[in-house]
Amino acid sequence: MSLTGAYDPDNVFAKILRGELPCVKVWETDHVLAFMDVFPQSEGHVLVISKASRARTLLEVEPEVAAELAEGVRRTARAVAKALTPDGVSVMQFNGEAGGQTVFHLHFHVVPRWTDRPMKGHGHAPMAETDALKALAGRIAAAMD
């Protein structure tokens, strides 16, 4: 998929938002949803998406949605850092297939990083156990400010 094109209402995140697919929620507001990545690049990998926008990429997003998402990413990164005490946190966002995007619904990755643990490749990590994701989500949610 390129940087331009029509929004696919059957993408995996749209299905999650409609309740057609499950997710392990960390937190949500009327506008933003943060949930655990089922293919985590690192323990505690969280995805942050808009609940209303049909933007496929950062290039298409409405300014007010971008502001809501930025605050959601900031809050999530702070909670991940507090709950898991990593050595660092990577915030990533991919645009277009050539840019590494695999789901064409605008989303941000919040990935805790430790100096002694290698990070798995984007789109190449194995699927995590649901119970482990739920435990991590609970710890991160409890650390939200």
Protein backbone atom coordinates (compact mmCIF):
# COMPACT_ATOMS: atom_id res chain seq x y z
CA MET A 1 0.00 0.00 0.00
CA SER A 2 1.21 3.43 -0.85
CA LEU A 3 0.99 6.70 1.05
CA THR A 4 -2.30 7.49 -0.68
CA GLY A 5 -5.48 5.52 -1.09
CA ALA A 6 -8.86 4.79 0.37
CA TYR A 7 -9.30 3.76 3.99
CA ASP A 8 -10.11 0.05 4.35
CA PRO A 9 -12.89 -0.29 6.94
CA ASP A 10 -11.98 -3.97 7.31
CA ASN A 11 -8.44 -3.38 8.58
CA VAL A 12 -7.63 -5.11 11.85
CA PHE A 13 -7.77 -1.93 13.97
CA ALA A 14 -11.16 -0.94 12.55
CA LYS A 15 -12.41 -4.42 13.47
CA ILE A 16 -11.03 -4.00 17.00
CA LEU A 17 -12.79 -0.63 17.33
CA ARG A 18 -16.09 -2.20 16.20
CA GLY A 19 -15.68 -5.06 18.69
CA GLU A 20 -15.31 -7.66 15.94
CA LEU A 21 -11.81 -8.64 17.11
CA PRO A 22 -10.54 -8.72 20.69
CA CYS A 23 -7.72 -6.64 22.10
CA VAL A 24 -6.06 -6.26 25.46
CA LYS A 25 -6.89 -2.67 26.38
CA VAL A 26 -4.54 -0.59 28.46
CA TRP A 27 -6.72 2.54 28.56
CA GLU A 28 -9.14 4.54 26.43
CA THR A 29 -11.00 7.81 26.17
CA ASP A 30 -13.80 8.84 23.86
CA HIS A 31 -11.15 9.56 21.20
CA VAL A 32 -8.10 7.35 21.81
CA LEU A 33 -7.51 3.64 22.46
CA ALA A 34 -4.25 2.17 23.76
CA PHE A 35 -3.86 -1.61 23.64
CA MET A 36 -1.17 -4.25 23.77
CA ASP A 37 0.51 -5.28 20.52
CA VAL A 38 -0.11 -9.02 20.08
CA PHE A 39 3.20 -9.27 18.19
CA PRO A 40 5.34 -7.28 20.65
CA GLN A 41 8.79 -6.13 19.65
CA SER A 42 9.57 -5.86 23.36
CA GLU A 43 7.78 -6.69 26.61
CA GLY A 44 5.16 -3.99 27.18
CA HIS A 45 4.76 -2.88 23.53
CA VAL A 46 1.60 -0.74 23.33
CA LEU A 47 -0.27 0.61 20.29
CA VAL A 48 -2.13 3.94 20.38
CA ILE A 49 -4.86 4.70 17.82
CA SER A 50 -7.65 7.17 17.15
CA LYS A 51 -11.14 5.82 17.69
CA ALA A 52 -12.75 8.20 15.19
CA SER A 53 -10.31 9.13 12.43
CA ARG A 54 -10.14 7.21 9.18
CA ALA A 55 -6.61 8.47 8.49
CA ARG A 56 -4.38 5.77 7.12
CA THR A 57 -1.15 7.68 7.77
CA LEU A 58 0.21 10.67 9.65
CA LEU A 59 0.07 12.58 6.37
CA GLU A 60 -3.75 12.35 6.31
CA VAL A 61 -4.66 12.89 9.96
CA GLU A 62 -6.76 15.83 11.07
CA PRO A 63 -4.80 18.33 13.25
CA GLU A 64 -7.11 17.94 16.26
CA VAL A 65 -6.79 14.13 16.08
CA ALA A 66 -3.00 14.43 15.83
CA ALA A 67 -3.02 16.49 19.03
CA GLU A 68 -5.18 13.93 20.86
CA LEU A 69 -2.97 11.08 19.69
CA ALA A 70 0.24 12.90 20.66
CA GLU A 71 -1.08 13.38 24.20
CA GLY A 72 -2.20 9.74 24.28
CA VAL A 73 1.25 8.59 23.19
CA ARG A 74 2.90 10.82 25.82
CA ARG A 75 0.66 9.49 28.60
CA THR A 76 1.21 5.91 27.48
CA ALA A 77 5.00 6.29 27.29
CA ARG A 78 5.07 7.80 30.79
CA ALA A 79 3.00 4.91 32.16
CA VAL A 80 5.15 2.31 30.39
CA ALA A 81 8.29 3.92 31.83
CA LYS A 82 6.81 4.06 35.33
CA ALA A 83 5.35 0.53 35.31
CA LEU A 84 8.17 -1.37 33.63
CA THR A 85 11.25 0.79 34.40
CA PRO A 86 12.95 0.19 31.04
CA ASP A 87 16.26 1.83 30.13
CA GLY A 88 14.51 3.71 27.33
CA VAL A 89 11.28 3.98 25.34
CA SER A 90 10.98 4.09 21.56
CA VAL A 91 7.98 5.78 19.97
CA MET A 92 7.55 4.74 16.36
CA GLN A 93 5.08 5.51 13.62
CA PHE A 94 5.27 4.11 10.07
CA ASN A 95 3.71 5.53 6.88
CA GLY A 96 3.15 3.48 3.73
CA GLU A 97 4.29 -0.04 3.02
CA ALA A 98 7.76 1.12 1.98
CA GLY A 99 7.94 3.00 5.30
CA GLY A 100 7.23 -0.18 7.27
CA GLN A 101 3.48 0.25 7.84
CA THR A 102 1.60 -3.05 8.07
CA VAL A 103 -1.85 -1.90 9.26
CA PHE A 104 -3.31 1.03 7.32
CA HIS A 105 -5.03 2.78 10.22
CA LEU A 106 -2.85 5.51 11.74
CA HIS A 107 -1.16 4.16 14.87
CA PHE A 108 1.80 4.76 17.13
CA HIS A 109 4.03 2.17 18.78
CA VAL A 110 5.27 2.72 22.34
CA VAL A 111 8.06 0.20 22.87
CA PRO A 112 10.01 -0.13 26.12
CA ARG A 113 13.72 -0.83 25.61
CA TRP A 114 16.36 -2.44 27.81
CA THR A 115 20.08 -2.31 27.08
CA ASP A 116 20.51 -6.05 27.69
CA ARG A 117 17.49 -7.22 25.64
CA PRO A 118 17.42 -7.13 21.85
CA MET A 119 14.27 -5.72 20.27
CA LYS A 120 12.43 -7.99 17.85
CA GLY A 121 11.88 -6.71 14.31
CA HIS A 122 8.68 -4.87 13.38
CA GLY A 123 6.27 -7.43 11.93
CA HIS A 124 8.60 -10.33 12.81
CA ALA A 125 7.91 -10.90 16.50
CA PRO A 126 6.05 -14.02 17.64
CA MET A 127 2.51 -13.76 19.00
CA ALA A 128 2.38 -13.16 22.75
CA GLU A 129 0.31 -15.09 25.28
CA THR A 130 -2.94 -13.28 26.13
CA ASP A 131 -2.48 -13.75 29.87
CA ALA A 132 0.97 -12.18 29.74
CA LEU A 133 -0.42 -9.21 27.78
CA LYS A 134 -3.25 -8.78 30.29
CA ALA A 135 -0.79 -8.72 33.19
CA LEU A 136 1.37 -6.11 31.44
CA ALA A 137 -1.68 -4.03 30.50
CA GLY A 138 -2.79 -4.03 34.13
CA ARG A 139 0.61 -2.83 35.33
CA ILE A 140 0.74 -0.08 32.70
CA ALA A 141 -2.86 1.03 33.33
CA ALA A 142 -2.15 1.24 37.09
CA ALA A 143 0.75 3.60 36.33
CA MET A 144 -1.33 6.03 34.22
CA ASP A 145 -1.39 9.61 35.48
